[in-house]
Amino acid sequence: MIIIRMMGGLGNQMFQYALYLQLKALGKEVKIDDVYGFRDDPQRDPVLEKMYGITYTKASDAEVVDITDSHLDIFSRIRRKLFGRKSHEYIEETGLFDPKVFEFETAYLNGYFQSDKYFPDKEVLAQLRREFVIKPDDVFTSADSWELYRQIRETESVSIHVRRGDYLLPGTVETFGGICDNDYYKRAIDRMVSEHPDAIFFVFTSDKEWCEQNVSGKKFRIVDTKEENDDAADLLLMSLCKHHILANSSYSWWSAWMNDSPEKTVIVPSKWLNTKPMDDIYTSRMTKI
């Protein structure tokens, strides 16, 4: 059996679910542990079922304990002390694609697996495109949201994702900070305008004050749907844009992936993280700057 530890926010969970489908397509017995990855993360919960109605086979507590050799009885503790832990846990050390992940028959996969190389199967890709669909009628409740929807569909729309907030906090800024700065967005916007002179920019962010000072102008609109499920509304609107300027965020990544247009331009930062290589998060459709 293979168990995938689900953790992180929406975009991360989408990557983990994609790997789950790929391993199932390879004939593996696969389950998802959607408990342990959130025990020390009070800000996040498993969201795929709520967001997309997606269900998956869940690992039991006993199965997770067994595969990671985490039994707490006295005999297991003594055995581990004498002979070491016999865990099948695989911890993803870098952001690089590891084909060994496809070879395991017994493993507890602990990582984010942020690469489309982890789900190359055509049927898996088709299933993801069917399941990662957000219907406007399910999330839009205001005239403002529908007006944004209309504008994005009718213009040479470009999504700009600006993620600051948690990326600036101690313990996080060391990994994500200083990459998508003002200079990155200026160069990305200039590049996009050179390729698409009629571009209209739709800015998605939780830091509207910074964007009003740094990413604004006549052809810019800072998006604020005020929808109750704003994650779903923003992801839908971002994916409907014809082109994309991404932040170093898995949420960003999926918004561009959901747009399957062969004519899209996707601009990304040439470095994704400060702490480890992430070469395989980039797809052939992306332009690094």
Protein backbone atom coordinates (compact mmCIF):
# COMPACT_ATOMS: atom_id res chain seq x y z
CA MET A 1 0.00 0.00 0.00
CA ILE A 2 1.02 3.60 -0.67
CA ILE A 3 -0.26 6.42 1.52
CA ILE A 4 0.12 10.06 0.46
CA ARG A 5 0.26 12.62 3.26
CA MET A 6 -2.00 15.51 2.33
CA MET A 7 -0.92 18.90 3.63
CA GLY A 8 -0.66 22.56 2.76
CA GLY A 9 -3.16 24.80 1.03
CA LEU A 10 -5.44 24.22 -1.93
CA GLY A 11 -2.74 24.23 -4.62
CA ASN A 12 -0.56 21.78 -2.70
CA GLN A 13 -3.50 19.44 -2.14
CA MET A 14 -4.24 19.52 -5.87
CA PHE A 15 -0.69 18.32 -6.62
CA GLN A 16 -0.97 15.54 -4.03
CA TYR A 17 -4.30 14.41 -5.43
CA ALA A 18 -2.88 14.40 -8.96
CA LEU A 19 -0.10 12.06 -7.79
CA TYR A 20 -2.74 9.89 -6.11
CA LEU A 21 -4.56 9.47 -9.43
CA GLN A 22 -1.32 8.75 -11.29
CA LEU A 23 -0.32 6.00 -8.85
CA LYS A 24 -3.79 4.48 -9.11
CA ALA A 25 -3.41 4.52 -12.90
CA LEU A 26 -0.19 2.54 -12.44
CA GLY A 27 -2.13 -0.15 -10.62
CA LYS A 28 -0.99 0.74 -7.09
CA GLU A 29 -3.12 0.49 -3.97
CA VAL A 30 -3.18 4.13 -2.87
CA LYS A 31 -4.80 5.99 -0.02
CA ILE A 32 -4.58 9.54 1.30
CA ASP A 33 -3.85 10.53 4.88
CA ASP A 34 -5.71 13.81 5.29
CA VAL A 35 -5.33 13.97 9.07
CA TYR A 36 -1.69 14.06 10.21
CA GLY A 37 -0.60 16.80 7.77
CA PHE A 38 -3.06 19.26 9.32
CA ARG A 39 -2.66 18.49 13.03
CA ASP A 40 0.01 21.17 13.46
CA ASP A 41 -1.43 23.53 10.83
CA PRO A 42 -4.52 25.21 12.33
CA GLN A 43 -4.80 27.57 9.35
CA ARG A 44 -5.52 24.81 6.85
CA ASP A 45 -7.87 21.87 6.30
CA PRO A 46 -8.48 19.31 3.55
CA VAL A 47 -10.52 21.27 1.00
CA LEU A 48 -10.82 19.22 -2.20
CA GLU A 49 -14.20 17.76 -1.31
CA LYS A 50 -15.63 21.13 -0.31
CA MET A 51 -14.14 22.89 -3.34
CA TYR A 52 -14.67 20.31 -6.06
CA GLY A 53 -16.72 17.47 -4.58
CA ILE A 54 -13.67 15.22 -4.97
CA THR A 55 -13.51 12.06 -2.89
CA TYR A 56 -10.61 9.65 -2.41
CA THR A 57 -9.79 6.55 -0.41
CA LYS A 58 -8.69 7.62 3.05
CA ALA A 59 -6.05 5.86 5.11
CA SER A 60 -7.05 4.87 8.61
CA ASP A 61 -5.08 5.95 11.65
CA ALA A 62 -3.98 2.36 12.15
CA GLU A 63 -2.66 2.15 8.57
CA VAL A 64 -0.62 5.36 8.97
CA VAL A 65 0.79 4.19 12.29
CA ASP A 66 1.70 0.81 10.81
CA ILE A 67 3.38 2.07 7.63
CA THR A 68 5.45 4.65 9.57
CA ASP A 69 6.20 2.27 12.46
CA SER A 70 4.72 4.70 14.98
CA HIS A 71 3.13 2.24 17.41
CA LEU A 72 3.22 3.58 20.96
CA ASP A 73 3.03 0.30 22.89
CA ILE A 74 5.97 -0.48 25.15
CA PHE A 75 7.21 -3.41 23.06
CA SER A 76 7.36 -1.30 19.88
CA ARG A 77 9.22 1.45 21.71
CA ILE A 78 11.79 -1.00 23.04
CA ARG A 79 12.20 -2.59 19.59
CA ARG A 80 12.78 0.80 17.96
CA LYS A 81 15.26 1.74 20.65
CA LEU A 82 17.19 -1.49 20.09
CA PHE A 83 16.89 -1.98 16.35
CA GLY A 84 15.70 1.35 14.92
CA ARG A 85 12.48 2.43 13.27
CA LYS A 86 11.24 0.34 10.33
CA SER A 87 9.33 3.12 8.65
CA HIS A 88 8.35 3.20 4.98
CA GLU A 89 8.22 7.00 4.97
CA TYR A 90 9.64 8.74 1.90
CA ILE A 91 10.41 12.41 2.54
CA GLU A 92 10.72 14.66 -0.50
CA GLU A 93 14.06 16.41 -0.04
CA THR A 94 14.03 18.75 -3.06
CA GLY A 95 11.49 20.08 -5.50
CA LEU A 96 12.95 17.98 -8.31
CA PHE A 97 10.98 15.16 -9.91
CA ASP A 98 11.95 11.76 -8.53
CA PRO A 99 10.86 8.82 -10.76
CA LYS A 100 11.49 6.48 -7.83
CA VAL A 101 8.13 7.61 -6.45
CA PHE A 102 6.44 5.56 -9.18
CA GLU A 103 8.34 2.41 -8.20
CA PHE A 104 7.25 2.02 -4.57
CA GLU A 105 4.84 -0.72 -3.59
CA THR A 106 4.85 0.22 0.10
CA ALA A 107 5.46 3.84 1.09
CA TYR A 108 4.23 6.81 3.08
CA LEU A 109 4.84 9.71 0.72
CA ASN A 110 5.57 12.94 2.56
CA GLY A 111 6.04 15.88 0.20
CA TYR A 112 4.38 18.33 -2.17
CA PHE A 113 5.31 16.71 -5.53
CA GLN A 114 4.92 19.97 -7.43
CA SER A 115 5.53 18.95 -11.02
CA ASP A 116 3.33 17.84 -13.89
CA LYS A 117 5.86 15.03 -14.33
CA TYR A 118 4.08 13.32 -11.45
CA PHE A 119 0.88 12.97 -13.49
CA PRO A 120 1.77 12.38 -17.16
CA ASP A 121 -0.95 9.81 -17.92
CA LYS A 122 -3.44 11.16 -20.49
CA GLU A 123 -6.45 9.68 -18.71
CA VAL A 124 -5.28 11.19 -15.43
CA LEU A 125 -4.89 14.59 -17.10
CA ALA A 126 -8.38 14.30 -18.56
CA GLN A 127 -9.82 13.37 -15.15
CA LEU A 128 -8.08 16.31 -13.48
CA ARG A 129 -9.48 18.69 -16.08
CA ARG A 130 -12.95 17.29 -15.43
CA GLU A 131 -12.66 17.41 -11.65
CA PHE A 132 -10.80 20.69 -11.18
CA VAL A 133 -13.73 22.63 -12.58
CA ILE A 134 -15.44 25.45 -10.71
CA LYS A 135 -18.82 26.48 -12.13
CA PRO A 136 -19.59 30.21 -12.01
CA ASP A 137 -23.13 29.56 -10.80
CA ASP A 138 -21.73 27.74 -7.77
CA VAL A 139 -19.55 30.60 -6.52
CA PHE A 140 -20.80 33.90 -7.95
CA THR A 141 -23.53 35.57 -5.93
CA SER A 142 -23.02 39.23 -6.86
CA ALA A 143 -23.37 41.38 -9.96
CA ASP A 144 -19.76 42.52 -9.48
CA SER A 145 -18.46 38.95 -9.87
CA TRP A 146 -20.48 38.40 -13.02
CA GLU A 147 -19.21 41.71 -14.42
CA LEU A 148 -15.62 40.62 -13.78
CA TYR A 149 -16.41 37.32 -15.47
CA ARG A 150 -17.73 39.20 -18.52
CA GLN A 151 -14.73 41.55 -18.73
CA ILE A 152 -12.24 38.70 -18.46
CA ARG A 153 -13.99 36.73 -21.17
CA GLU A 154 -14.29 39.71 -23.54
CA THR A 155 -10.83 41.30 -23.23
CA GLU A 156 -7.18 40.34 -23.72
CA SER A 157 -7.19 39.55 -20.02
CA VAL A 158 -4.05 38.83 -18.01
CA SER A 159 -4.16 37.56 -14.44
CA ILE A 160 -1.50 38.85 -12.06
CA HIS A 161 -1.19 36.94 -8.81
CA VAL A 162 0.53 38.83 -6.00
CA ARG A 163 1.03 36.79 -2.86
CA ARG A 164 2.47 38.60 0.12
CA GLY A 165 0.82 38.20 3.54
CA ASP A 166 2.07 34.87 4.91
CA TYR A 167 5.10 35.02 2.57
CA LEU A 168 6.46 37.92 4.64
CA LEU A 169 6.21 36.19 8.02
CA PRO A 170 9.25 34.87 9.92
CA GLY A 171 9.73 31.20 9.14
CA THR A 172 8.17 31.64 5.68
CA VAL A 173 9.92 34.67 4.22
CA GLU A 174 13.22 32.77 4.22
CA THR A 175 11.72 30.29 1.74
CA PHE A 176 9.44 32.44 -0.42
CA GLY A 177 10.44 36.05 0.13
CA GLY A 178 12.26 38.43 -2.18
CA ILE A 179 11.46 36.52 -5.38
CA CYS A 180 8.28 38.10 -6.73
CA ASP A 181 9.21 41.67 -5.91
CA ASN A 182 8.33 44.93 -7.59
CA ASP A 183 11.07 44.46 -10.19
CA TYR A 184 9.73 41.01 -11.15
CA TYR A 185 6.21 42.32 -11.72
CA LYS A 186 7.46 45.34 -13.69
CA ARG A 187 9.51 43.12 -16.01
CA ALA A 188 6.67 40.61 -16.35
CA ILE A 189 4.15 43.33 -17.21
CA ASP A 190 6.52 44.90 -19.75
CA ARG A 191 7.06 41.51 -21.37
CA MET A 192 3.33 40.82 -21.47
CA VAL A 193 2.53 44.22 -23.03
CA SER A 194 5.21 43.67 -25.68
CA GLU A 195 3.56 40.39 -26.67
CA HIS A 196 -0.06 41.48 -26.14
CA PRO A 197 -0.40 45.27 -26.58
CA ASP A 198 -4.13 45.22 -25.77
CA ALA A 199 -3.62 43.43 -22.47
CA ILE A 200 -5.92 44.28 -19.56
CA PHE A 201 -4.54 43.22 -16.17
CA PHE A 202 -6.63 41.69 -13.40
CA VAL A 203 -4.71 41.67 -10.12
CA PHE A 204 -5.50 38.98 -7.56
CA THR A 205 -4.04 39.61 -4.11
CA SER A 206 -4.70 39.87 -0.41
CA ASP A 207 -2.40 42.91 -0.20
CA LYS A 208 -4.40 45.50 -2.09
CA GLU A 209 -2.54 48.45 -0.57
CA TRP A 210 0.83 47.24 -1.96
CA CYS A 211 -0.71 46.54 -5.36
CA GLU A 212 -2.34 49.97 -5.55
CA GLN A 213 1.15 51.45 -5.12
CA ASN A 214 3.09 49.03 -7.32
CA VAL A 215 0.79 47.20 -9.75
CA SER A 216 -1.80 49.70 -10.90
CA GLY A 217 -2.79 51.95 -13.76
CA LYS A 218 -5.47 52.53 -16.39
CA LYS A 219 -5.32 48.97 -17.66
CA PHE A 220 -5.26 47.38 -14.22
CA ARG A 221 -8.10 46.20 -12.03
CA ILE A 222 -7.52 44.91 -8.51
CA VAL A 223 -10.02 42.11 -8.04
CA ASP A 224 -12.17 41.91 -4.93
CA THR A 225 -15.20 39.68 -5.44
CA LYS A 226 -16.22 39.73 -1.76
CA GLU A 227 -17.59 36.24 -2.33
CA GLU A 228 -17.92 33.94 0.66
CA ASN A 229 -15.81 31.32 -1.15
CA ASP A 230 -13.30 33.82 -2.48
CA ASP A 231 -10.60 31.15 -3.03
CA ALA A 232 -12.86 29.41 -5.53
CA ALA A 233 -14.07 32.65 -7.14
CA ASP A 234 -10.52 33.98 -7.57
CA LEU A 235 -9.16 30.69 -8.89
CA LEU A 236 -11.98 30.50 -11.44
CA LEU A 237 -11.48 34.07 -12.62
CA MET A 238 -7.69 33.67 -12.80
CA SER A 239 -8.02 30.51 -14.87
CA LEU A 240 -10.38 32.24 -17.30
CA CYS A 241 -7.85 34.96 -18.11
CA LYS A 242 -6.16 34.49 -21.47
CA HIS A 243 -2.64 34.97 -20.09
CA HIS A 244 -0.99 34.79 -16.68
CA ILE A 245 1.73 36.37 -14.55
CA LEU A 246 2.33 33.98 -11.69
CA ALA A 247 3.60 34.33 -8.16
CA ASN A 248 5.80 31.55 -6.76
CA SER A 249 2.69 29.80 -5.51
CA SER A 250 1.04 26.46 -6.26
CA TYR A 251 -2.33 28.27 -6.30
CA SER A 252 -0.93 30.45 -9.08
CA TRP A 253 0.44 27.40 -10.89
CA TRP A 254 -2.94 25.67 -11.04
CA SER A 255 -4.75 28.79 -12.24
CA ALA A 256 -2.53 28.79 -15.34
CA TRP A 257 -2.71 25.00 -15.76
CA MET A 258 -6.52 25.12 -15.80
CA ASN A 259 -6.31 27.43 -18.82
CA ASP A 260 -5.62 24.95 -21.61
CA SER A 261 -5.49 27.48 -24.43
CA PRO A 262 -2.60 26.84 -26.82
CA GLU A 263 -2.23 30.61 -27.24
CA LYS A 264 -1.72 31.54 -23.59
CA THR A 265 1.40 33.29 -22.34
CA VAL A 266 2.49 32.32 -18.83
CA ILE A 267 5.26 34.32 -17.14
CA VAL A 268 6.91 32.96 -14.01
CA PRO A 269 9.84 33.91 -11.77
CA SER A 270 13.08 32.19 -12.75
CA LYS A 271 13.53 31.10 -9.13
CA TRP A 272 10.64 29.50 -7.26
CA LEU A 273 12.07 29.03 -3.75
CA ASN A 274 15.12 30.28 -1.87
CA THR A 275 15.76 27.03 -0.03
CA LYS A 276 15.76 24.25 -2.63
CA PRO A 277 15.81 23.68 -6.39
CA MET A 278 12.39 23.62 -8.07
CA ASP A 279 13.37 23.11 -11.71
CA ASP A 280 10.58 20.62 -12.39
CA ILE A 281 7.73 22.85 -11.28
CA TYR A 282 8.14 24.68 -14.59
CA THR A 283 6.23 23.43 -17.61
CA SER A 284 7.10 23.79 -21.28
CA ARG A 285 4.40 26.47 -21.58
CA MET A 286 6.07 28.86 -19.13
CA THR A 287 8.38 31.81 -19.78
CA LYS A 288 10.89 32.38 -16.96
CA ILE A 289 12.17 35.89 -16.22
